[in-house]
């Protein structure tokens, strides 16, 4: 295996680790129908955020390293577009969703009673939509990197 081939392998694995959860988190979150189940789900999502962040960093570094090895990539619109989409996807999956998940966890932990506060439902809905947006971005990025349309 060449150095470049090894970077591609690392890049693909990092994509699965860094962007993969965007596909399942909204589905998992939809199972939170009670306060206790929602607390557990939000705690799991909050804890896995570190793995997603590490995968995303490796994804970015491996992609940029491939560009340094093959500088022609920086002239390709699909490559530049993928980098821009990457930052949008990471923002949605880590920054936007992360802050709201942490807030939902804190609200649920502090809430007395078994009902789910409406603010938590609103936060979780925005996290789910951000996750769906991040998943869509990941699909577009995979398309761009596979097909290289321009």
N, C-alpha and C. Protein backbone atom coordinates (compact mmCIF):
# COMPACT_ATOMS: atom_id res chain seq x y z
N UNK A 1 0.85 -1.17 0.00
CA UNK A 1 0.00 0.00 0.00
C UNK A 1 0.90 1.24 0.00
N UNK A 2 0.53 2.18 -0.82
CA UNK A 2 1.29 3.43 -0.90
C UNK A 2 0.91 4.34 0.27
N UNK A 3 1.73 5.35 0.49
CA UNK A 3 1.43 6.34 1.53
C UNK A 3 0.07 6.99 1.26
N UNK A 4 -0.15 7.34 0.00
CA UNK A 4 -1.42 7.98 -0.37
C UNK A 4 -2.59 7.03 -0.13
N UNK A 5 -2.40 5.76 -0.50
CA UNK A 5 -3.46 4.76 -0.26
C UNK A 5 -3.75 4.59 1.22
N UNK A 6 -2.71 4.63 2.03
CA UNK A 6 -2.89 4.56 3.48
C UNK A 6 -3.65 5.76 4.01
N UNK A 7 -3.37 6.93 3.46
CA UNK A 7 -4.10 8.14 3.86
C UNK A 7 -5.57 8.05 3.47
N UNK A 8 -5.83 7.49 2.30
CA UNK A 8 -7.22 7.32 1.87
C UNK A 8 -7.95 6.39 2.84
N UNK A 9 -7.29 5.30 3.24
CA UNK A 9 -7.89 4.37 4.20
C UNK A 9 -8.19 5.08 5.53
N UNK A 10 -7.21 5.81 6.05
CA UNK A 10 -7.41 6.56 7.29
C UNK A 10 -8.54 7.57 7.12
N UNK A 11 -8.59 8.22 5.98
CA UNK A 11 -9.61 9.22 5.68
C UNK A 11 -11.01 8.60 5.71
N UNK A 12 -11.15 7.44 5.09
CA UNK A 12 -12.45 6.76 5.05
C UNK A 12 -12.86 6.31 6.46
N UNK A 13 -11.93 5.73 7.21
CA UNK A 13 -12.24 5.31 8.58
C UNK A 13 -12.62 6.51 9.45
N UNK A 14 -11.89 7.60 9.30
CA UNK A 14 -12.20 8.82 10.07
C UNK A 14 -13.57 9.37 9.68
N UNK A 15 -13.94 9.24 8.42
CA UNK A 15 -15.26 9.71 7.98
C UNK A 15 -16.36 8.89 8.65
N UNK A 16 -16.16 7.60 8.75
CA UNK A 16 -17.16 6.75 9.40
C UNK A 16 -17.29 7.13 10.87
N UNK A 17 -16.15 7.35 11.53
CA UNK A 17 -16.16 7.69 12.95
C UNK A 17 -16.65 9.12 13.18
N UNK A 18 -16.19 10.05 12.34
CA UNK A 18 -16.51 11.46 12.54
C UNK A 18 -17.88 11.87 12.06
N UNK A 19 -18.32 11.32 10.94
CA UNK A 19 -19.60 11.74 10.37
C UNK A 19 -20.70 10.70 10.52
N UNK A 20 -20.32 9.45 10.73
CA UNK A 20 -21.29 8.36 10.84
C UNK A 20 -22.39 8.57 11.87
N UNK A 21 -22.03 9.04 13.07
CA UNK A 21 -23.07 9.24 14.08
C UNK A 21 -24.18 10.22 13.65
N UNK A 22 -23.90 11.09 12.71
CA UNK A 22 -24.92 12.02 12.23
C UNK A 22 -26.12 11.27 11.64
N UNK A 23 -25.87 10.07 11.16
CA UNK A 23 -26.94 9.29 10.56
C UNK A 23 -27.81 8.60 11.62
N UNK A 24 -27.20 8.22 12.75
CA UNK A 24 -27.96 7.45 13.74
C UNK A 24 -28.46 8.26 14.93
N UNK A 25 -27.80 9.35 15.28
CA UNK A 25 -28.23 10.10 16.45
C UNK A 25 -29.68 10.59 16.35
N UNK A 26 -30.12 11.13 15.22
CA UNK A 26 -31.53 11.55 15.17
C UNK A 26 -32.50 10.38 15.34
N UNK A 27 -32.12 9.21 14.86
CA UNK A 27 -32.98 8.03 15.01
C UNK A 27 -33.01 7.60 16.47
N UNK A 28 -31.83 7.52 17.08
CA UNK A 28 -31.74 7.12 18.49
C UNK A 28 -32.53 8.10 19.36
N UNK A 29 -32.39 9.37 19.06
CA UNK A 29 -33.05 10.40 19.86
C UNK A 29 -34.57 10.28 19.80
N UNK A 30 -35.08 9.79 18.70
CA UNK A 30 -36.54 9.67 18.56
C UNK A 30 -37.12 8.63 19.50
N UNK A 31 -36.28 7.76 20.08
CA UNK A 31 -36.76 6.75 21.01
C UNK A 31 -36.94 7.30 22.42
N UNK A 32 -36.54 8.52 22.65
CA UNK A 32 -36.67 9.13 23.97
C UNK A 32 -38.08 9.60 24.22
N UNK A 33 -38.89 8.74 24.77
CA UNK A 33 -40.30 9.09 25.01
C UNK A 33 -40.60 9.37 26.48
N UNK A 34 -39.67 8.99 27.36
CA UNK A 34 -39.84 9.29 28.78
C UNK A 34 -38.64 10.12 29.23
N UNK A 35 -38.76 10.73 30.38
CA UNK A 35 -37.66 11.53 30.91
C UNK A 35 -36.42 10.67 31.08
N UNK A 36 -36.59 9.47 31.65
CA UNK A 36 -35.45 8.61 31.91
C UNK A 36 -34.77 8.16 30.61
N UNK A 37 -35.55 7.78 29.61
CA UNK A 37 -34.95 7.33 28.35
C UNK A 37 -34.26 8.50 27.64
N UNK A 38 -34.87 9.66 27.70
CA UNK A 38 -34.27 10.84 27.07
C UNK A 38 -32.98 11.25 27.79
N UNK A 39 -32.96 11.12 29.11
CA UNK A 39 -31.73 11.41 29.86
C UNK A 39 -30.61 10.47 29.41
N UNK A 40 -30.91 9.19 29.32
CA UNK A 40 -29.91 8.21 28.91
C UNK A 40 -29.42 8.50 27.50
N UNK A 41 -30.33 8.74 26.59
CA UNK A 41 -29.96 9.01 25.20
C UNK A 41 -29.10 10.26 25.10
N UNK A 42 -29.50 11.33 25.76
CA UNK A 42 -28.73 12.58 25.69
C UNK A 42 -27.36 12.42 26.35
N UNK A 43 -27.26 11.63 27.42
CA UNK A 43 -25.96 11.38 28.04
C UNK A 43 -25.06 10.59 27.09
N UNK A 44 -25.62 9.61 26.40
CA UNK A 44 -24.83 8.82 25.44
C UNK A 44 -24.34 9.71 24.31
N UNK A 45 -25.22 10.53 23.77
CA UNK A 45 -24.84 11.43 22.68
C UNK A 45 -23.76 12.40 23.16
N UNK A 46 -23.93 12.93 24.36
CA UNK A 46 -22.95 13.88 24.90
C UNK A 46 -21.58 13.21 25.06
N UNK A 47 -21.55 11.97 25.52
CA UNK A 47 -20.27 11.27 25.74
C UNK A 47 -19.61 10.88 24.43
N UNK A 48 -20.37 10.52 23.42
CA UNK A 48 -19.78 10.10 22.15
C UNK A 48 -19.30 11.29 21.32
N UNK A 49 -19.64 12.48 21.74
CA UNK A 49 -19.21 13.69 21.04
C UNK A 49 -17.68 13.79 20.94
N UNK A 50 -16.98 13.28 21.95
CA UNK A 50 -15.51 13.32 21.93
C UNK A 50 -14.97 12.45 20.79
N UNK A 51 -15.55 11.28 20.60
CA UNK A 51 -15.12 10.39 19.53
C UNK A 51 -15.40 11.03 18.18
N UNK A 52 -16.55 11.65 18.04
CA UNK A 52 -16.92 12.33 16.80
C UNK A 52 -15.93 13.46 16.52
N UNK A 53 -15.57 14.20 17.55
CA UNK A 53 -14.62 15.31 17.38
C UNK A 53 -13.26 14.80 16.94
N UNK A 54 -12.77 13.75 17.56
CA UNK A 54 -11.47 13.18 17.18
C UNK A 54 -11.53 12.66 15.74
N UNK A 55 -12.59 11.93 15.40
CA UNK A 55 -12.74 11.44 14.03
C UNK A 55 -12.79 12.57 13.02
N UNK A 56 -13.46 13.65 13.37
CA UNK A 56 -13.55 14.81 12.47
C UNK A 56 -12.21 15.49 12.27
N UNK A 57 -11.43 15.57 13.34
CA UNK A 57 -10.09 16.18 13.22
C UNK A 57 -9.20 15.32 12.33
N UNK A 58 -9.24 14.01 12.54
CA UNK A 58 -8.44 13.10 11.71
C UNK A 58 -8.92 13.18 10.25
N UNK A 59 -10.21 13.29 10.06
CA UNK A 59 -10.78 13.42 8.71
C UNK A 59 -10.22 14.66 8.01
N UNK A 60 -10.25 15.78 8.70
CA UNK A 60 -9.73 17.03 8.12
C UNK A 60 -8.23 16.92 7.84
N UNK A 61 -7.47 16.45 8.81
CA UNK A 61 -6.02 16.37 8.64
C UNK A 61 -5.62 15.40 7.53
N UNK A 62 -6.30 14.27 7.44
CA UNK A 62 -5.97 13.31 6.37
C UNK A 62 -6.35 13.88 5.00
N UNK A 63 -7.48 14.57 4.92
CA UNK A 63 -7.89 15.19 3.65
C UNK A 63 -6.94 16.27 3.20
N UNK A 64 -6.52 17.11 4.15
CA UNK A 64 -5.56 18.17 3.80
C UNK A 64 -4.19 17.60 3.47
N UNK A 65 -3.80 16.54 4.16
CA UNK A 65 -2.51 15.90 3.85
C UNK A 65 -2.52 15.32 2.45
N UNK A 66 -3.64 14.72 2.05
CA UNK A 66 -3.74 14.23 0.67
C UNK A 66 -3.60 15.38 -0.31
N UNK A 67 -4.15 16.54 0.06
CA UNK A 67 -4.01 17.72 -0.79
C UNK A 67 -2.57 18.21 -0.86
N UNK A 68 -1.84 18.09 0.24
CA UNK A 68 -0.43 18.49 0.23
C UNK A 68 0.41 17.54 -0.62
N UNK A 69 0.06 16.26 -0.58
CA UNK A 69 0.78 15.28 -1.40
C UNK A 69 0.43 15.46 -2.86
N UNK A 70 -0.81 15.79 -3.13
CA UNK A 70 -1.29 15.99 -4.50
C UNK A 70 -1.87 17.41 -4.60
N UNK A 71 -1.04 18.43 -4.77
CA UNK A 71 -1.49 19.83 -4.75
C UNK A 71 -2.54 20.17 -5.81
N UNK A 72 -2.64 19.36 -6.86
CA UNK A 72 -3.68 19.60 -7.87
C UNK A 72 -5.08 19.55 -7.27
N UNK A 73 -5.24 18.83 -6.15
CA UNK A 73 -6.56 18.77 -5.50
C UNK A 73 -7.07 20.15 -5.13
N UNK A 74 -6.16 21.04 -4.75
CA UNK A 74 -6.57 22.39 -4.34
C UNK A 74 -7.09 23.22 -5.51
N UNK A 75 -6.99 22.70 -6.73
CA UNK A 75 -7.55 23.38 -7.91
C UNK A 75 -8.89 22.76 -8.31
N UNK A 76 -9.29 21.70 -7.64
CA UNK A 76 -10.52 20.99 -7.98
C UNK A 76 -11.69 21.55 -7.17
N UNK A 77 -12.75 21.92 -7.86
CA UNK A 77 -13.92 22.49 -7.18
C UNK A 77 -14.54 21.50 -6.21
N UNK A 78 -14.61 20.21 -6.58
CA UNK A 78 -15.21 19.20 -5.70
C UNK A 78 -14.45 19.11 -4.38
N UNK A 79 -13.12 19.24 -4.44
CA UNK A 79 -12.29 19.14 -3.24
C UNK A 79 -12.51 20.35 -2.33
N UNK A 80 -12.48 21.52 -2.90
CA UNK A 80 -12.68 22.75 -2.13
C UNK A 80 -14.09 22.78 -1.54
N UNK A 81 -15.08 22.39 -2.35
CA UNK A 81 -16.46 22.34 -1.88
C UNK A 81 -16.60 21.36 -0.72
N UNK A 82 -15.92 20.22 -0.81
CA UNK A 82 -15.97 19.22 0.26
C UNK A 82 -15.39 19.78 1.56
N UNK A 83 -14.33 20.56 1.46
CA UNK A 83 -13.73 21.16 2.66
C UNK A 83 -14.71 22.14 3.30
N UNK A 84 -15.34 22.98 2.49
CA UNK A 84 -16.32 23.94 3.01
C UNK A 84 -17.50 23.20 3.65
N UNK A 85 -17.99 22.17 2.97
CA UNK A 85 -19.10 21.38 3.51
C UNK A 85 -18.69 20.67 4.80
N UNK A 86 -17.45 20.23 4.87
CA UNK A 86 -16.95 19.59 6.07
C UNK A 86 -17.12 20.51 7.28
N UNK A 87 -16.70 21.77 7.14
CA UNK A 87 -16.81 22.71 8.26
C UNK A 87 -18.27 22.97 8.63
N UNK A 88 -19.14 23.04 7.63
CA UNK A 88 -20.57 23.21 7.92
C UNK A 88 -21.11 21.99 8.66
N UNK A 89 -20.74 20.80 8.21
CA UNK A 89 -21.20 19.57 8.85
C UNK A 89 -20.70 19.43 10.27
N UNK A 90 -19.43 19.75 10.49
CA UNK A 90 -18.86 19.67 11.84
C UNK A 90 -19.53 20.70 12.75
N UNK A 91 -19.78 21.88 12.22
CA UNK A 91 -20.47 22.89 13.03
C UNK A 91 -21.83 22.35 13.49
N UNK A 92 -22.60 21.81 12.54
CA UNK A 92 -23.92 21.29 12.90
C UNK A 92 -23.84 20.12 13.88
N UNK A 93 -22.93 19.18 13.61
CA UNK A 93 -22.86 17.96 14.40
C UNK A 93 -22.21 18.15 15.77
N UNK A 94 -21.22 19.02 15.85
CA UNK A 94 -20.46 19.14 17.10
C UNK A 94 -20.82 20.42 17.85
N UNK A 95 -20.69 21.56 17.21
CA UNK A 95 -20.87 22.83 17.91
C UNK A 95 -22.35 23.09 18.19
N UNK A 96 -23.16 23.17 17.15
CA UNK A 96 -24.59 23.47 17.31
C UNK A 96 -25.28 22.42 18.17
N UNK A 97 -25.13 21.15 17.77
CA UNK A 97 -25.81 20.07 18.49
C UNK A 97 -25.22 19.86 19.88
N UNK A 98 -23.90 19.99 19.98
CA UNK A 98 -23.25 19.77 21.27
C UNK A 98 -23.74 20.70 22.36
N UNK A 99 -23.84 21.97 22.03
CA UNK A 99 -24.31 22.95 23.02
C UNK A 99 -25.75 22.65 23.44
N UNK A 100 -26.58 22.32 22.48
CA UNK A 100 -27.99 22.05 22.79
C UNK A 100 -28.16 20.74 23.55
N UNK A 101 -27.36 19.74 23.23
CA UNK A 101 -27.43 18.48 23.95
C UNK A 101 -27.00 18.68 25.40
N UNK A 102 -25.93 19.41 25.62
CA UNK A 102 -25.47 19.69 26.99
C UNK A 102 -26.55 20.44 27.78
N UNK A 103 -27.19 21.39 27.12
CA UNK A 103 -28.24 22.15 27.80
C UNK A 103 -29.43 21.24 28.11
N UNK A 104 -29.79 20.36 27.18
CA UNK A 104 -30.91 19.44 27.42
C UNK A 104 -30.59 18.49 28.56
N UNK A 105 -29.35 18.00 28.61
CA UNK A 105 -28.93 17.11 29.70
C UNK A 105 -29.06 17.84 31.04
N UNK A 106 -28.57 19.07 31.10
CA UNK A 106 -28.64 19.84 32.35
C UNK A 106 -30.09 20.10 32.76
N UNK A 107 -30.92 20.44 31.80
CA UNK A 107 -32.33 20.70 32.12
C UNK A 107 -33.03 19.43 32.62
N UNK A 108 -32.76 18.31 31.96
CA UNK A 108 -33.39 17.06 32.40
C UNK A 108 -32.89 16.62 33.76
N UNK A 109 -31.59 16.77 34.00
CA UNK A 109 -31.04 16.38 35.31
C UNK A 109 -31.60 17.24 36.43
N UNK A 110 -31.85 18.51 36.16
CA UNK A 110 -32.35 19.43 37.19
C UNK A 110 -33.87 19.37 37.35
N UNK A 111 -34.56 18.83 36.36
CA UNK A 111 -36.02 18.83 36.36
C UNK A 111 -36.58 17.82 37.36
N UNK A 112 -37.50 18.30 38.17
CA UNK A 112 -38.21 17.42 39.11
C UNK A 112 -39.45 16.89 38.41
N UNK A 113 -39.72 15.63 38.58
CA UNK A 113 -40.88 15.04 37.94
C UNK A 113 -40.47 14.15 36.78
N UNK A 114 -41.46 13.43 36.25
CA UNK A 114 -41.18 12.48 35.17
C UNK A 114 -41.56 13.00 33.79
N UNK A 115 -42.16 14.18 33.73
CA UNK A 115 -42.51 14.74 32.43
C UNK A 115 -41.26 15.32 31.76
N UNK A 116 -41.35 15.54 30.47
CA UNK A 116 -40.24 16.12 29.71
C UNK A 116 -40.55 17.60 29.50
N UNK A 117 -39.68 18.49 29.99
CA UNK A 117 -39.92 19.93 29.80
C UNK A 117 -39.99 20.29 28.32
N UNK A 118 -40.87 21.21 27.99
CA UNK A 118 -41.04 21.59 26.58
C UNK A 118 -39.76 22.16 25.99
N UNK A 119 -38.94 22.84 26.81
CA UNK A 119 -37.67 23.38 26.30
C UNK A 119 -36.73 22.25 25.85
N UNK A 120 -36.77 21.13 26.56
CA UNK A 120 -35.93 19.98 26.19
C UNK A 120 -36.42 19.41 24.85
N UNK A 121 -37.72 19.31 24.69
CA UNK A 121 -38.27 18.82 23.42
C UNK A 121 -37.86 19.72 22.26
N UNK A 122 -37.89 21.03 22.49
CA UNK A 122 -37.49 21.99 21.46
C UNK A 122 -36.00 21.84 21.15
N UNK A 123 -35.18 21.72 22.19
CA UNK A 123 -33.74 21.54 21.99
C UNK A 123 -33.46 20.25 21.21
N UNK A 124 -34.12 19.17 21.61
CA UNK A 124 -33.90 17.89 20.94
C UNK A 124 -34.37 17.91 19.49
N UNK A 125 -35.42 18.65 19.22
CA UNK A 125 -35.88 18.77 17.84
C UNK A 125 -34.83 19.49 17.00
N UNK A 126 -34.25 20.57 17.55
CA UNK A 126 -33.22 21.30 16.80
C UNK A 126 -31.97 20.45 16.62
N UNK A 127 -31.63 19.63 17.61
CA UNK A 127 -30.49 18.73 17.49
C UNK A 127 -30.76 17.68 16.41
N UNK A 128 -31.97 17.16 16.38
CA UNK A 128 -32.34 16.18 15.36
C UNK A 128 -32.27 16.76 13.96
N UNK A 129 -32.75 17.98 13.80
CA UNK A 129 -32.70 18.63 12.49
C UNK A 129 -31.25 18.92 12.08
N UNK A 130 -30.43 19.33 13.05
CA UNK A 130 -29.01 19.57 12.75
C UNK A 130 -28.32 18.27 12.37
N UNK A 131 -28.68 17.18 13.04
CA UNK A 131 -28.13 15.86 12.70
C UNK A 131 -28.52 15.44 11.30
N UNK A 132 -29.78 15.69 10.94
CA UNK A 132 -30.23 15.36 9.59
C UNK A 132 -29.50 16.21 8.56
N UNK A 133 -29.29 17.48 8.88
CA UNK A 133 -28.54 18.37 7.99
C UNK A 133 -27.11 17.92 7.83
N UNK A 134 -26.50 17.51 8.93
CA UNK A 134 -25.13 17.02 8.90
C UNK A 134 -25.04 15.72 8.09
N UNK A 135 -26.01 14.85 8.23
CA UNK A 135 -26.03 13.61 7.46
C UNK A 135 -26.18 13.90 5.96
N UNK A 136 -27.02 14.85 5.62
CA UNK A 136 -27.19 15.24 4.22
C UNK A 136 -25.87 15.80 3.66
N UNK A 137 -25.21 16.62 4.45
CA UNK A 137 -23.91 17.16 4.04
C UNK A 137 -22.92 16.02 3.81
N UNK A 138 -22.92 15.03 4.71
CA UNK A 138 -22.01 13.89 4.56
C UNK A 138 -22.29 13.14 3.25
N UNK A 139 -23.56 12.97 2.92
CA UNK A 139 -23.92 12.29 1.67
C UNK A 139 -23.41 13.08 0.47
N UNK A 140 -23.60 14.39 0.49
CA UNK A 140 -23.12 15.24 -0.61
C UNK A 140 -21.60 15.16 -0.71
N UNK A 141 -20.90 15.17 0.43
CA UNK A 141 -19.45 15.06 0.41
C UNK A 141 -19.00 13.72 -0.17
N UNK A 142 -19.65 12.65 0.22
CA UNK A 142 -19.31 11.33 -0.32
C UNK A 142 -19.53 11.31 -1.82
N UNK A 143 -20.63 11.90 -2.26
CA UNK A 143 -20.91 11.99 -3.71
C UNK A 143 -19.79 12.76 -4.41
N UNK A 144 -19.43 13.92 -3.87
CA UNK A 144 -18.40 14.74 -4.49
C UNK A 144 -17.06 14.01 -4.56
N UNK A 145 -16.70 13.31 -3.49
CA UNK A 145 -15.41 12.63 -3.48
C UNK A 145 -15.41 11.37 -4.34
N UNK A 146 -16.56 10.77 -4.52
CA UNK A 146 -16.64 9.55 -5.33
C UNK A 146 -16.75 9.87 -6.82
N UNK A 147 -17.61 10.80 -7.17
CA UNK A 147 -17.91 11.10 -8.57
C UNK A 147 -16.98 12.18 -9.12
N UNK A 148 -16.54 13.11 -8.27
CA UNK A 148 -15.69 14.24 -8.70
C UNK A 148 -16.30 14.93 -9.93
N UNK A 149 -17.52 15.47 -9.76
CA UNK A 149 -18.25 15.99 -10.92
C UNK A 149 -17.65 17.24 -11.55
N UNK A 150 -16.84 17.99 -10.81
CA UNK A 150 -16.23 19.20 -11.36
C UNK A 150 -14.94 19.49 -10.65
